Amino acid sequence: MTGLTTGIVVPGQQDLVFKEYPSDGGRPLADPTTTNDVTESLGPLVGATLTAWGDWPALRYFGVQLDPIYWVMSAKGADTPPAPHFTVHQQRTALYLSALGRLPLRPLLGRFSEEPGKDTFAYLGAGAGAVHSSVTHGASKWGVGDQLLGGVSIPLTGHVRLRLETRYLLARDVDTRPRDGPGWRVDTSGTHVRFAVDRHLDTRFHPVLLGVDWRF
């Protein structure tokens, strides 16, 4: 199957660290100013999916999915002098590879129908991939990201399916680098995640998505 996805992203709690750099591009002029009082906005997400489910009876419950996605959101820190009071716009592009499992819901619970493409099924998955993050007043970088996903796939016609889905995304911090001369820069990160394999992999997002798939 191949499909298109769109929806909204609910960001998790973030921290902003403000740093002012001198004209010579050296270290920050003073100790960084950190604020945990951050207001995040909802943001749009668009993406595509390429999904392959097993063909043999025992493998029809398992599949793999490759999906590129792009999402944006904004974060505004509280007034924390001497740092300026500005909104940090964030953009991320990701390519994930995920393993999936599914369970037919109808017409028969737990069993696939004899007619291909007629089943409504629920699915769960987990994956990892590359994420490119960029922020205004800051930097951009590539990093590893993780995702969990789950949803329901509903047949509309013999080849068209509707997908209702939610995800849990983890992305890395975006650290400031004095690349563009003097002035203020900002680091963005999430709050601590106990199960993350890397302490910098802690920026969370919770997309709620709607997709349309074409089954070959």
N, C-alpha and C. Protein backbone atom coordinates (compact mmCIF):
# COMPACT_ATOMS: atom_id res chain seq x y z
N MET A 1 0.85 -1.19 0.00
CA MET A 1 0.00 0.00 0.00
C MET A 1 0.88 1.24 0.00
N THR A 2 0.38 2.29 -0.62
CA THR A 2 1.01 3.59 -0.54
C THR A 2 -0.06 4.61 -0.19
N GLY A 3 0.32 5.65 0.52
CA GLY A 3 -0.69 6.59 0.98
C GLY A 3 -0.15 7.96 1.32
N LEU A 4 -1.07 8.87 1.60
CA LEU A 4 -0.76 10.22 2.05
C LEU A 4 -1.35 10.43 3.43
N THR A 5 -0.66 11.22 4.25
CA THR A 5 -1.05 11.44 5.64
C THR A 5 -1.02 12.92 5.96
N THR A 6 -1.98 13.37 6.76
CA THR A 6 -1.95 14.74 7.27
C THR A 6 -2.58 14.75 8.66
N GLY A 7 -2.31 15.80 9.40
CA GLY A 7 -2.87 15.91 10.74
C GLY A 7 -2.23 17.02 11.52
N ILE A 8 -2.41 16.98 12.83
CA ILE A 8 -1.84 17.99 13.71
C ILE A 8 -0.88 17.34 14.71
N VAL A 9 0.09 18.12 15.14
CA VAL A 9 1.08 17.67 16.11
C VAL A 9 0.87 18.40 17.43
N VAL A 10 0.72 17.64 18.50
CA VAL A 10 0.67 18.21 19.85
C VAL A 10 2.06 18.04 20.46
N PRO A 11 2.82 19.12 20.69
CA PRO A 11 4.18 18.99 21.23
C PRO A 11 4.16 18.69 22.72
N GLY A 12 5.19 17.97 23.17
CA GLY A 12 5.39 17.78 24.59
C GLY A 12 6.08 18.98 25.20
N GLN A 13 6.22 18.99 26.52
CA GLN A 13 6.83 20.12 27.22
C GLN A 13 8.28 20.29 26.78
N GLN A 14 8.66 21.51 26.45
CA GLN A 14 10.02 21.80 26.01
C GLN A 14 10.70 22.79 26.96
N ASP A 15 12.05 22.78 26.89
CA ASP A 15 12.88 23.78 27.55
C ASP A 15 13.56 24.62 26.47
N LEU A 16 13.76 25.89 26.77
CA LEU A 16 14.52 26.78 25.89
C LEU A 16 15.71 27.33 26.65
N VAL A 17 16.89 27.27 26.04
CA VAL A 17 18.11 27.80 26.64
C VAL A 17 18.64 28.91 25.74
N PHE A 18 18.67 30.16 26.24
CA PHE A 18 19.08 31.31 25.46
C PHE A 18 20.55 31.62 25.74
N LYS A 19 21.30 31.90 24.65
CA LYS A 19 22.72 32.23 24.76
C LYS A 19 23.02 33.43 23.87
N GLU A 20 23.82 34.37 24.38
CA GLU A 20 24.23 35.52 23.58
C GLU A 20 25.71 35.37 23.22
N TYR A 21 26.01 35.41 21.92
CA TYR A 21 27.37 35.21 21.44
C TYR A 21 28.02 36.53 21.05
N PRO A 22 29.33 36.67 21.28
CA PRO A 22 30.04 37.90 20.93
C PRO A 22 30.36 37.95 19.43
N SER A 23 30.89 39.08 19.00
CA SER A 23 31.18 39.28 17.58
C SER A 23 32.31 38.40 17.08
N ASP A 24 33.20 37.94 17.98
CA ASP A 24 34.31 37.09 17.53
C ASP A 24 33.93 35.63 17.41
N GLY A 25 32.66 35.30 17.71
CA GLY A 25 32.20 33.93 17.57
C GLY A 25 32.68 32.99 18.65
N GLY A 26 33.14 33.53 19.78
CA GLY A 26 33.63 32.69 20.86
C GLY A 26 32.50 32.15 21.71
N ARG A 27 32.82 31.89 22.97
CA ARG A 27 31.84 31.33 23.89
C ARG A 27 30.79 32.38 24.25
N PRO A 28 29.64 31.95 24.79
CA PRO A 28 28.59 32.91 25.17
C PRO A 28 29.10 33.97 26.13
N LEU A 29 28.51 35.16 26.06
CA LEU A 29 28.95 36.29 26.87
C LEU A 29 28.67 36.08 28.34
N ALA A 30 27.64 35.35 28.67
CA ALA A 30 27.26 35.12 30.08
C ALA A 30 26.70 33.72 30.21
N ASP A 31 26.35 33.35 31.44
CA ASP A 31 25.74 32.05 31.65
C ASP A 31 24.43 31.95 30.87
N PRO A 32 24.17 30.80 30.24
CA PRO A 32 22.91 30.65 29.50
C PRO A 32 21.70 30.87 30.40
N THR A 33 20.64 31.40 29.79
CA THR A 33 19.38 31.63 30.50
C THR A 33 18.41 30.53 30.08
N THR A 34 17.98 29.73 31.05
CA THR A 34 17.09 28.60 30.77
C THR A 34 15.69 28.91 31.28
N THR A 35 14.68 28.59 30.44
CA THR A 35 13.31 28.73 30.90
C THR A 35 12.56 27.44 30.66
N ASN A 36 11.86 26.98 31.69
CA ASN A 36 10.97 25.83 31.57
C ASN A 36 9.53 26.25 31.35
N ASP A 37 9.28 27.57 31.47
CA ASP A 37 7.93 28.11 31.28
C ASP A 37 7.76 28.42 29.81
N VAL A 38 7.38 27.40 29.03
CA VAL A 38 7.33 27.49 27.58
C VAL A 38 5.91 27.19 27.10
N THR A 39 5.42 28.03 26.21
CA THR A 39 4.11 27.81 25.59
C THR A 39 4.32 27.27 24.18
N GLU A 40 3.84 26.04 23.93
CA GLU A 40 3.99 25.42 22.61
C GLU A 40 2.68 25.51 21.84
N SER A 41 2.80 25.59 20.52
CA SER A 41 1.63 25.65 19.67
C SER A 41 1.40 24.30 19.00
N LEU A 42 0.15 24.06 18.61
CA LEU A 42 -0.12 22.94 17.71
C LEU A 42 0.49 23.24 16.35
N GLY A 43 0.82 22.20 15.61
CA GLY A 43 1.41 22.40 14.30
C GLY A 43 0.91 21.39 13.30
N PRO A 44 1.00 21.69 12.00
CA PRO A 44 0.57 20.75 10.97
C PRO A 44 1.64 19.71 10.67
N LEU A 45 1.20 18.56 10.18
CA LEU A 45 2.09 17.48 9.74
C LEU A 45 1.58 16.96 8.40
N VAL A 46 2.49 16.70 7.48
CA VAL A 46 2.17 16.04 6.22
C VAL A 46 3.19 14.94 5.98
N GLY A 47 2.77 13.90 5.28
CA GLY A 47 3.69 12.81 5.03
C GLY A 47 3.14 11.83 4.02
N ALA A 48 3.92 10.80 3.77
CA ALA A 48 3.55 9.73 2.86
C ALA A 48 3.94 8.41 3.49
N THR A 49 3.34 7.33 3.02
CA THR A 49 3.65 6.01 3.56
C THR A 49 3.80 5.00 2.42
N LEU A 50 4.68 4.05 2.63
CA LEU A 50 4.81 2.89 1.76
C LEU A 50 4.84 1.68 2.68
N THR A 51 3.78 0.86 2.61
CA THR A 51 3.58 -0.23 3.56
C THR A 51 3.47 -1.55 2.83
N ALA A 52 4.14 -2.58 3.35
CA ALA A 52 4.07 -3.92 2.79
C ALA A 52 3.67 -4.90 3.89
N TRP A 53 2.56 -5.58 3.68
CA TRP A 53 2.10 -6.62 4.60
C TRP A 53 2.46 -7.99 4.04
N GLY A 54 2.67 -8.97 4.92
CA GLY A 54 3.03 -10.31 4.49
C GLY A 54 1.94 -10.95 3.63
N ASP A 55 2.37 -11.85 2.75
CA ASP A 55 1.45 -12.48 1.81
C ASP A 55 0.98 -13.86 2.28
N TRP A 56 1.85 -14.61 2.93
CA TRP A 56 1.49 -15.95 3.39
C TRP A 56 0.59 -15.86 4.61
N PRO A 57 -0.24 -16.86 4.86
CA PRO A 57 -1.21 -16.78 5.96
C PRO A 57 -0.61 -16.37 7.30
N ALA A 58 0.51 -16.97 7.70
CA ALA A 58 1.08 -16.66 9.01
C ALA A 58 1.73 -15.28 9.04
N LEU A 59 2.10 -14.75 7.86
CA LEU A 59 2.79 -13.46 7.80
C LEU A 59 1.85 -12.30 7.53
N ARG A 60 0.57 -12.57 7.30
CA ARG A 60 -0.36 -11.49 6.99
C ARG A 60 -0.58 -10.56 8.18
N TYR A 61 -0.16 -11.00 9.37
CA TYR A 61 -0.33 -10.18 10.57
C TYR A 61 0.84 -9.22 10.78
N PHE A 62 1.86 -9.28 9.92
CA PHE A 62 3.07 -8.49 10.13
C PHE A 62 3.43 -7.73 8.86
N GLY A 63 4.09 -6.59 9.05
CA GLY A 63 4.48 -5.78 7.91
C GLY A 63 5.58 -4.81 8.26
N VAL A 64 6.03 -4.07 7.25
CA VAL A 64 7.03 -3.02 7.42
C VAL A 64 6.52 -1.76 6.72
N GLN A 65 6.96 -0.61 7.21
CA GLN A 65 6.50 0.66 6.64
C GLN A 65 7.64 1.66 6.58
N LEU A 66 7.73 2.34 5.45
CA LEU A 66 8.68 3.44 5.26
C LEU A 66 7.88 4.71 5.07
N ASP A 67 8.14 5.73 5.90
CA ASP A 67 7.35 6.96 5.76
C ASP A 67 8.18 8.21 6.02
N PRO A 68 8.22 9.10 5.04
CA PRO A 68 8.76 10.44 5.25
C PRO A 68 7.66 11.36 5.78
N ILE A 69 7.99 12.20 6.76
CA ILE A 69 7.02 13.14 7.31
C ILE A 69 7.70 14.49 7.54
N TYR A 70 6.89 15.53 7.57
CA TYR A 70 7.37 16.89 7.81
C TYR A 70 6.37 17.57 8.72
N TRP A 71 6.87 18.23 9.79
CA TRP A 71 5.97 18.95 10.68
C TRP A 71 6.63 20.21 11.21
N VAL A 72 5.80 21.16 11.61
CA VAL A 72 6.27 22.43 12.15
C VAL A 72 5.48 22.76 13.41
N MET A 73 6.08 23.53 14.30
CA MET A 73 5.40 24.04 15.49
C MET A 73 6.22 25.19 16.02
N SER A 74 5.69 25.89 17.01
CA SER A 74 6.36 27.05 17.61
C SER A 74 6.36 26.93 19.12
N ALA A 75 7.38 27.52 19.74
CA ALA A 75 7.48 27.56 21.19
C ALA A 75 7.88 28.97 21.62
N LYS A 76 7.22 29.47 22.64
CA LYS A 76 7.50 30.82 23.15
C LYS A 76 7.85 30.71 24.62
N GLY A 77 9.02 31.24 24.99
CA GLY A 77 9.44 31.21 26.37
C GLY A 77 8.90 32.39 27.15
N ALA A 78 8.80 32.23 28.46
CA ALA A 78 8.39 33.34 29.32
C ALA A 78 9.45 34.44 29.29
N ASP A 79 9.07 35.61 29.74
CA ASP A 79 9.99 36.75 29.77
C ASP A 79 11.06 36.48 30.82
N THR A 80 12.29 36.19 30.35
CA THR A 80 13.39 35.83 31.26
C THR A 80 14.61 36.69 30.93
N PRO A 81 14.61 37.97 31.36
CA PRO A 81 15.74 38.85 31.08
C PRO A 81 17.05 38.23 31.58
N PRO A 82 18.16 38.47 30.89
CA PRO A 82 18.31 39.39 29.76
C PRO A 82 17.96 38.79 28.41
N ALA A 83 17.52 37.54 28.37
CA ALA A 83 17.20 36.92 27.09
C ALA A 83 16.00 37.62 26.45
N PRO A 84 16.00 37.77 25.12
CA PRO A 84 14.86 38.40 24.45
C PRO A 84 13.63 37.51 24.50
N HIS A 85 12.49 38.12 24.34
CA HIS A 85 11.21 37.40 24.40
C HIS A 85 10.75 37.16 22.97
N PHE A 86 11.21 36.05 22.37
CA PHE A 86 10.81 35.79 21.00
C PHE A 86 10.27 34.37 20.86
N THR A 87 9.55 34.14 19.75
CA THR A 87 8.97 32.84 19.44
C THR A 87 9.94 32.03 18.60
N VAL A 88 10.15 30.78 18.97
CA VAL A 88 11.07 29.90 18.27
C VAL A 88 10.25 29.00 17.35
N HIS A 89 10.39 29.19 16.04
CA HIS A 89 9.71 28.36 15.06
C HIS A 89 10.58 27.14 14.75
N GLN A 90 9.96 25.95 14.78
CA GLN A 90 10.70 24.71 14.61
C GLN A 90 10.16 23.93 13.41
N GLN A 91 11.07 23.37 12.64
CA GLN A 91 10.71 22.54 11.49
C GLN A 91 11.47 21.23 11.58
N ARG A 92 10.80 20.13 11.26
CA ARG A 92 11.46 18.83 11.29
C ARG A 92 11.01 17.99 10.09
N THR A 93 11.99 17.33 9.49
CA THR A 93 11.76 16.39 8.41
C THR A 93 12.34 15.05 8.84
N ALA A 94 11.58 13.98 8.69
CA ALA A 94 12.03 12.68 9.18
C ALA A 94 11.74 11.59 8.16
N LEU A 95 12.55 10.56 8.20
CA LEU A 95 12.32 9.35 7.41
C LEU A 95 12.42 8.17 8.36
N TYR A 96 11.29 7.48 8.58
CA TYR A 96 11.21 6.39 9.54
C TYR A 96 11.01 5.05 8.83
N LEU A 97 11.61 4.02 9.39
CA LEU A 97 11.35 2.64 9.00
C LEU A 97 10.80 1.92 10.23
N SER A 98 9.60 1.32 10.07
CA SER A 98 8.90 0.75 11.22
C SER A 98 8.48 -0.69 10.96
N ALA A 99 8.44 -1.48 12.01
CA ALA A 99 7.85 -2.82 11.98
C ALA A 99 6.42 -2.73 12.51
N LEU A 100 5.49 -3.42 11.84
CA LEU A 100 4.07 -3.33 12.17
C LEU A 100 3.48 -4.69 12.46
N GLY A 101 2.43 -4.68 13.27
CA GLY A 101 1.59 -5.84 13.49
C GLY A 101 0.13 -5.42 13.42
N ARG A 102 -0.74 -6.28 12.93
CA ARG A 102 -2.15 -5.91 12.78
C ARG A 102 -3.07 -7.04 13.21
N LEU A 103 -4.31 -6.65 13.53
CA LEU A 103 -5.33 -7.59 13.97
C LEU A 103 -6.65 -7.24 13.29
N PRO A 104 -7.23 -8.16 12.49
CA PRO A 104 -8.52 -7.89 11.86
C PRO A 104 -9.62 -7.68 12.90
N LEU A 105 -10.47 -6.69 12.66
CA LEU A 105 -11.59 -6.40 13.55
C LEU A 105 -12.93 -6.85 12.96
N ARG A 106 -13.12 -6.66 11.67
CA ARG A 106 -14.30 -7.11 10.96
C ARG A 106 -13.95 -7.35 9.48
N PRO A 107 -14.64 -8.30 8.85
CA PRO A 107 -15.87 -8.96 9.30
C PRO A 107 -15.67 -10.04 10.35
N LEU A 108 -14.42 -10.53 10.54
CA LEU A 108 -14.16 -11.55 11.55
C LEU A 108 -13.05 -11.07 12.46
N LEU A 109 -13.28 -11.11 13.78
CA LEU A 109 -12.26 -10.69 14.73
C LEU A 109 -11.12 -11.70 14.75
N GLY A 110 -9.92 -11.23 14.46
CA GLY A 110 -8.74 -12.08 14.54
C GLY A 110 -8.44 -12.89 13.31
N ARG A 111 -9.35 -12.92 12.33
CA ARG A 111 -9.13 -13.70 11.13
C ARG A 111 -9.38 -12.84 9.89
N PHE A 112 -8.54 -13.03 8.89
CA PHE A 112 -8.70 -12.28 7.65
C PHE A 112 -9.79 -12.92 6.79
N SER A 113 -10.52 -12.09 6.07
CA SER A 113 -11.56 -12.60 5.17
C SER A 113 -10.91 -13.21 3.93
N GLU A 114 -11.68 -13.98 3.20
CA GLU A 114 -11.15 -14.61 1.99
C GLU A 114 -11.00 -13.63 0.85
N GLU A 115 -11.66 -12.48 0.92
CA GLU A 115 -11.53 -11.46 -0.11
C GLU A 115 -10.48 -10.43 0.32
N PRO A 116 -9.37 -10.32 -0.41
CA PRO A 116 -8.32 -9.36 -0.03
C PRO A 116 -8.85 -7.93 -0.03
N GLY A 117 -8.42 -7.18 0.97
CA GLY A 117 -8.77 -5.78 1.03
C GLY A 117 -10.11 -5.47 1.67
N LYS A 118 -10.82 -6.49 2.16
CA LYS A 118 -12.14 -6.28 2.73
C LYS A 118 -12.12 -6.11 4.25
N ASP A 119 -10.96 -6.31 4.87
CA ASP A 119 -10.89 -6.31 6.33
C ASP A 119 -10.66 -4.91 6.89
N THR A 120 -11.36 -4.62 7.99
CA THR A 120 -11.01 -3.50 8.85
C THR A 120 -10.07 -4.03 9.92
N PHE A 121 -8.89 -3.41 10.07
CA PHE A 121 -7.94 -3.94 11.04
C PHE A 121 -7.31 -2.82 11.86
N ALA A 122 -6.93 -3.17 13.08
CA ALA A 122 -6.14 -2.28 13.95
C ALA A 122 -4.67 -2.68 13.83
N TYR A 123 -3.79 -1.71 14.02
CA TYR A 123 -2.37 -2.00 13.88
C TYR A 123 -1.56 -1.21 14.89
N LEU A 124 -0.39 -1.76 15.22
CA LEU A 124 0.59 -1.11 16.09
C LEU A 124 1.95 -1.25 15.44
N GLY A 125 2.85 -0.32 15.77
CA GLY A 125 4.19 -0.40 15.20
C GLY A 125 5.20 0.41 15.98
N ALA A 126 6.46 0.14 15.70
CA ALA A 126 7.57 0.87 16.31
C ALA A 126 8.67 0.99 15.28
N GLY A 127 9.36 2.13 15.29
CA GLY A 127 10.42 2.31 14.31
C GLY A 127 11.40 3.39 14.71
N ALA A 128 12.39 3.56 13.85
CA ALA A 128 13.43 4.57 14.05
C ALA A 128 13.84 5.11 12.70
N GLY A 129 14.53 6.25 12.73
CA GLY A 129 14.96 6.84 11.48
C GLY A 129 15.78 8.09 11.71
N ALA A 130 15.98 8.82 10.62
CA ALA A 130 16.75 10.06 10.64
C ALA A 130 15.81 11.25 10.69
N VAL A 131 16.14 12.23 11.54
CA VAL A 131 15.33 13.44 11.70
C VAL A 131 16.22 14.66 11.53
N HIS A 132 15.80 15.57 10.65
CA HIS A 132 16.49 16.85 10.50
C HIS A 132 15.67 17.92 11.19
N SER A 133 16.27 18.59 12.17
CA SER A 133 15.57 19.61 12.97
C SER A 133 16.22 20.96 12.73
N SER A 134 15.41 22.01 12.60
CA SER A 134 15.93 23.37 12.48
C SER A 134 15.03 24.31 13.26
N VAL A 135 15.63 25.34 13.84
CA VAL A 135 14.88 26.32 14.63
C VAL A 135 15.35 27.72 14.26
N THR A 136 14.41 28.68 14.27
CA THR A 136 14.80 30.07 14.10
C THR A 136 15.56 30.54 15.35
N HIS A 137 16.45 31.49 15.20
CA HIS A 137 17.31 31.98 16.28
C HIS A 137 18.19 30.86 16.81
N GLY A 138 18.47 29.85 15.97
CA GLY A 138 19.25 28.73 16.44
C GLY A 138 19.97 28.02 15.31
N ALA A 139 19.98 26.71 15.35
CA ALA A 139 20.78 25.92 14.42
C ALA A 139 19.90 24.86 13.77
N SER A 140 20.53 24.03 12.94
CA SER A 140 19.86 22.87 12.37
C SER A 140 20.81 21.68 12.47
N LYS A 141 20.24 20.48 12.55
CA LYS A 141 21.09 19.31 12.70
C LYS A 141 20.31 18.05 12.35
N TRP A 142 21.06 17.01 11.98
CA TRP A 142 20.49 15.68 11.79
C TRP A 142 20.66 14.88 13.07
N GLY A 143 19.74 13.96 13.32
CA GLY A 143 19.84 13.10 14.48
C GLY A 143 18.93 11.90 14.32
N VAL A 144 19.06 10.97 15.22
CA VAL A 144 18.21 9.78 15.23
C VAL A 144 16.90 10.10 15.93
N GLY A 145 15.80 9.57 15.43
CA GLY A 145 14.50 9.72 16.07
C GLY A 145 13.80 8.38 16.19
N ASP A 146 12.91 8.27 17.15
CA ASP A 146 12.12 7.06 17.37
C ASP A 146 10.64 7.37 17.24
N GLN A 147 9.84 6.34 16.94
CA GLN A 147 8.41 6.54 16.90
C GLN A 147 7.67 5.26 17.30
N LEU A 148 6.52 5.47 17.93
CA LEU A 148 5.51 4.44 18.14
C LEU A 148 4.26 4.90 17.41
N LEU A 149 3.52 3.97 16.82
CA LEU A 149 2.32 4.34 16.09
C LEU A 149 1.25 3.27 16.24
N GLY A 150 0.01 3.72 16.10
CA GLY A 150 -1.12 2.80 16.17
C GLY A 150 -2.33 3.42 15.53
N GLY A 151 -3.21 2.58 15.01
CA GLY A 151 -4.39 3.13 14.37
C GLY A 151 -5.32 2.06 13.86
N VAL A 152 -6.26 2.49 13.04
CA VAL A 152 -7.26 1.60 12.43
C VAL A 152 -7.30 1.90 10.94
N SER A 153 -7.32 0.85 10.11
CA SER A 153 -7.41 0.97 8.67
C SER A 153 -8.76 0.42 8.22
N ILE A 154 -9.52 1.25 7.48
CA ILE A 154 -10.90 0.93 7.11
C ILE A 154 -11.03 0.92 5.59
N PRO A 155 -11.53 -0.17 4.98
CA PRO A 155 -11.68 -0.19 3.52
C PRO A 155 -12.84 0.69 3.07
N LEU A 156 -12.59 1.50 2.04
CA LEU A 156 -13.64 2.31 1.42
C LEU A 156 -14.09 1.71 0.11
N THR A 157 -13.12 1.25 -0.70
CA THR A 157 -13.39 0.52 -1.93
C THR A 157 -12.41 -0.66 -1.96
N GLY A 158 -12.37 -1.36 -3.09
CA GLY A 158 -11.46 -2.49 -3.20
C GLY A 158 -10.00 -2.10 -3.09
N HIS A 159 -9.68 -0.84 -3.43
CA HIS A 159 -8.28 -0.41 -3.43
C HIS A 159 -8.01 0.78 -2.50
N VAL A 160 -9.03 1.48 -2.06
CA VAL A 160 -8.84 2.69 -1.25
C VAL A 160 -9.19 2.40 0.21
N ARG A 161 -8.31 2.82 1.11
CA ARG A 161 -8.52 2.61 2.54
C ARG A 161 -8.34 3.94 3.28
N LEU A 162 -9.13 4.11 4.34
CA LEU A 162 -9.02 5.25 5.24
C LEU A 162 -8.25 4.83 6.48
N ARG A 163 -7.33 5.68 6.93
CA ARG A 163 -6.49 5.36 8.08
C ARG A 163 -6.63 6.44 9.14
N LEU A 164 -6.95 6.03 10.36
CA LEU A 164 -6.99 6.91 11.52
C LEU A 164 -5.85 6.49 12.43
N GLU A 165 -4.96 7.44 12.78
CA GLU A 165 -3.70 7.05 13.40
C GLU A 165 -3.25 8.07 14.43
N THR A 166 -2.51 7.59 15.41
CA THR A 166 -1.81 8.46 16.36
C THR A 166 -0.39 7.94 16.51
N ARG A 167 0.52 8.86 16.82
CA ARG A 167 1.93 8.49 16.96
C ARG A 167 2.53 9.14 18.21
N TYR A 168 3.67 8.61 18.59
CA TYR A 168 4.50 9.19 19.65
C TYR A 168 5.89 9.31 19.07
N LEU A 169 6.36 10.54 18.88
CA LEU A 169 7.65 10.79 18.26
C LEU A 169 8.65 11.33 19.27
N LEU A 170 9.88 10.87 19.16
CA LEU A 170 11.00 11.37 19.96
C LEU A 170 12.08 11.89 19.01
N ALA A 171 12.51 13.13 19.20
CA ALA A 171 13.58 13.72 18.41
C ALA A 171 14.68 14.24 19.33
N ARG A 172 15.84 14.48 18.76
CA ARG A 172 16.98 14.95 19.55
C ARG A 172 16.89 16.45 19.80
N ASP A 173 17.67 16.90 20.79
CA ASP A 173 17.83 18.33 21.05
C ASP A 173 18.38 19.04 19.81
N VAL A 174 18.10 20.33 19.73
CA VAL A 174 18.76 21.19 18.74
C VAL A 174 19.65 22.14 19.52
N ASP A 175 20.96 21.99 19.39
CA ASP A 175 21.92 22.79 20.15
C ASP A 175 22.41 23.97 19.31
N THR A 176 22.55 25.11 19.98
CA THR A 176 22.98 26.33 19.31
C THR A 176 24.45 26.26 18.92
N ARG A 177 24.74 26.78 17.74
CA ARG A 177 26.13 26.99 17.31
C ARG A 177 26.25 28.41 16.78
N PRO A 178 27.31 29.12 17.12
CA PRO A 178 27.45 30.52 16.66
C PRO A 178 27.88 30.58 15.20
N ARG A 179 26.97 30.25 14.29
CA ARG A 179 27.32 30.15 12.88
C ARG A 179 27.08 31.45 12.12
N ASP A 180 26.22 32.31 12.63
CA ASP A 180 25.80 33.48 11.87
C ASP A 180 26.20 34.78 12.54
N GLY A 181 27.35 34.81 13.19
CA GLY A 181 27.81 36.04 13.81
C GLY A 181 27.26 36.21 15.21
N PRO A 182 27.39 37.42 15.76
CA PRO A 182 26.97 37.68 17.14
C PRO A 182 25.46 37.70 17.29
N GLY A 183 25.02 37.67 18.54
CA GLY A 183 23.60 37.77 18.82
C GLY A 183 23.09 36.59 19.62
N TRP A 184 21.79 36.56 19.78
CA TRP A 184 21.15 35.54 20.60
C TRP A 184 20.87 34.28 19.78
N ARG A 185 21.10 33.14 20.42
CA ARG A 185 20.76 31.83 19.86
C ARG A 185 19.96 31.08 20.92
N VAL A 186 19.30 30.01 20.50
CA VAL A 186 18.49 29.27 21.46
C VAL A 186 18.66 27.78 21.23
N ASP A 187 18.83 27.02 22.33
CA ASP A 187 18.78 25.56 22.31
C ASP A 187 17.36 25.13 22.64
N THR A 188 16.88 24.09 21.97
CA THR A 188 15.58 23.53 22.30
C THR A 188 15.75 22.08 22.72
N SER A 189 15.01 21.66 23.70
CA SER A 189 15.04 20.27 24.14
C SER A 189 13.73 19.96 24.84
N GLY A 190 13.50 18.69 25.08
CA GLY A 190 12.33 18.27 25.84
C GLY A 190 12.68 18.07 27.29
N THR A 191 11.72 17.63 28.04
CA THR A 191 11.96 17.26 29.44
C THR A 191 12.40 15.81 29.49
N HIS A 192 12.94 15.38 30.61
CA HIS A 192 13.59 14.08 30.74
C HIS A 192 12.64 12.93 30.40
N VAL A 193 13.14 11.97 29.62
CA VAL A 193 12.41 10.75 29.27
C VAL A 193 13.19 9.57 29.82
N ARG A 194 12.61 8.82 30.72
CA ARG A 194 13.35 7.77 31.42
C ARG A 194 13.81 6.65 30.50
N PHE A 195 13.00 6.29 29.50
CA PHE A 195 13.31 5.12 28.70
C PHE A 195 14.14 5.44 27.46
N ALA A 196 14.54 6.69 27.25
CA ALA A 196 15.34 7.05 26.08
C ALA A 196 16.76 6.49 26.24
N VAL A 197 17.32 6.00 25.13
CA VAL A 197 18.67 5.43 25.18
C VAL A 197 19.73 6.52 25.21
N ASP A 198 19.34 7.75 24.89
CA ASP A 198 20.26 8.89 24.87
C ASP A 198 19.57 10.05 25.58
N ARG A 199 20.26 10.70 26.51
CA ARG A 199 19.63 11.77 27.28
C ARG A 199 19.27 12.97 26.41
N HIS A 200 19.85 13.08 25.22
CA HIS A 200 19.51 14.17 24.31
C HIS A 200 18.33 13.82 23.40
N LEU A 201 17.87 12.57 23.45
CA LEU A 201 16.73 12.14 22.65
C LEU A 201 15.48 12.28 23.51
N ASP A 202 14.98 13.53 23.67
CA ASP A 202 13.94 13.76 24.66
C ASP A 202 12.88 14.77 24.23
N THR A 203 12.88 15.20 22.97
CA THR A 203 11.90 16.17 22.51
C THR A 203 10.71 15.42 21.92
N ARG A 204 9.55 15.55 22.54
CA ARG A 204 8.40 14.70 22.22
C ARG A 204 7.34 15.42 21.40
N PHE A 205 6.66 14.62 20.57
CA PHE A 205 5.54 15.12 19.77
C PHE A 205 4.48 14.02 19.70
N HIS A 206 3.20 14.45 19.64
CA HIS A 206 2.08 13.50 19.66
C HIS A 206 1.14 13.81 18.49
N PRO A 207 1.44 13.32 17.28
CA PRO A 207 0.57 13.61 16.14
C PRO A 207 -0.74 12.82 16.20
N VAL A 208 -1.80 13.45 15.70
CA VAL A 208 -3.09 12.80 15.47
C VAL A 208 -3.35 12.94 13.97
N LEU A 209 -3.50 11.81 13.26
CA LEU A 209 -3.39 11.82 11.81
C LEU A 209 -4.57 11.16 11.12
N LEU A 210 -4.77 11.59 9.87
CA LEU A 210 -5.75 11.01 8.97
C LEU A 210 -5.04 10.71 7.68
N GLY A 211 -5.22 9.49 7.16
CA GLY A 211 -4.53 9.10 5.93
C GLY A 211 -5.44 8.37 4.97
N VAL A 212 -5.05 8.40 3.70
CA VAL A 212 -5.73 7.65 2.65
C VAL A 212 -4.69 6.79 1.96
N ASP A 213 -4.98 5.47 1.85
CA ASP A 213 -4.03 4.52 1.28
C ASP A 213 -4.62 3.90 0.01
N TRP A 214 -3.72 3.58 -0.91
CA TRP A 214 -4.07 2.84 -2.12
C TRP A 214 -3.45 1.46 -2.04
N ARG A 215 -4.28 0.44 -2.12
CA ARG A 215 -3.80 -0.95 -2.04
C ARG A 215 -3.63 -1.50 -3.44
N PHE A 216 -2.41 -1.94 -3.75
CA PHE A 216 -2.14 -2.52 -5.07
C PHE A 216 -2.64 -3.95 -5.16
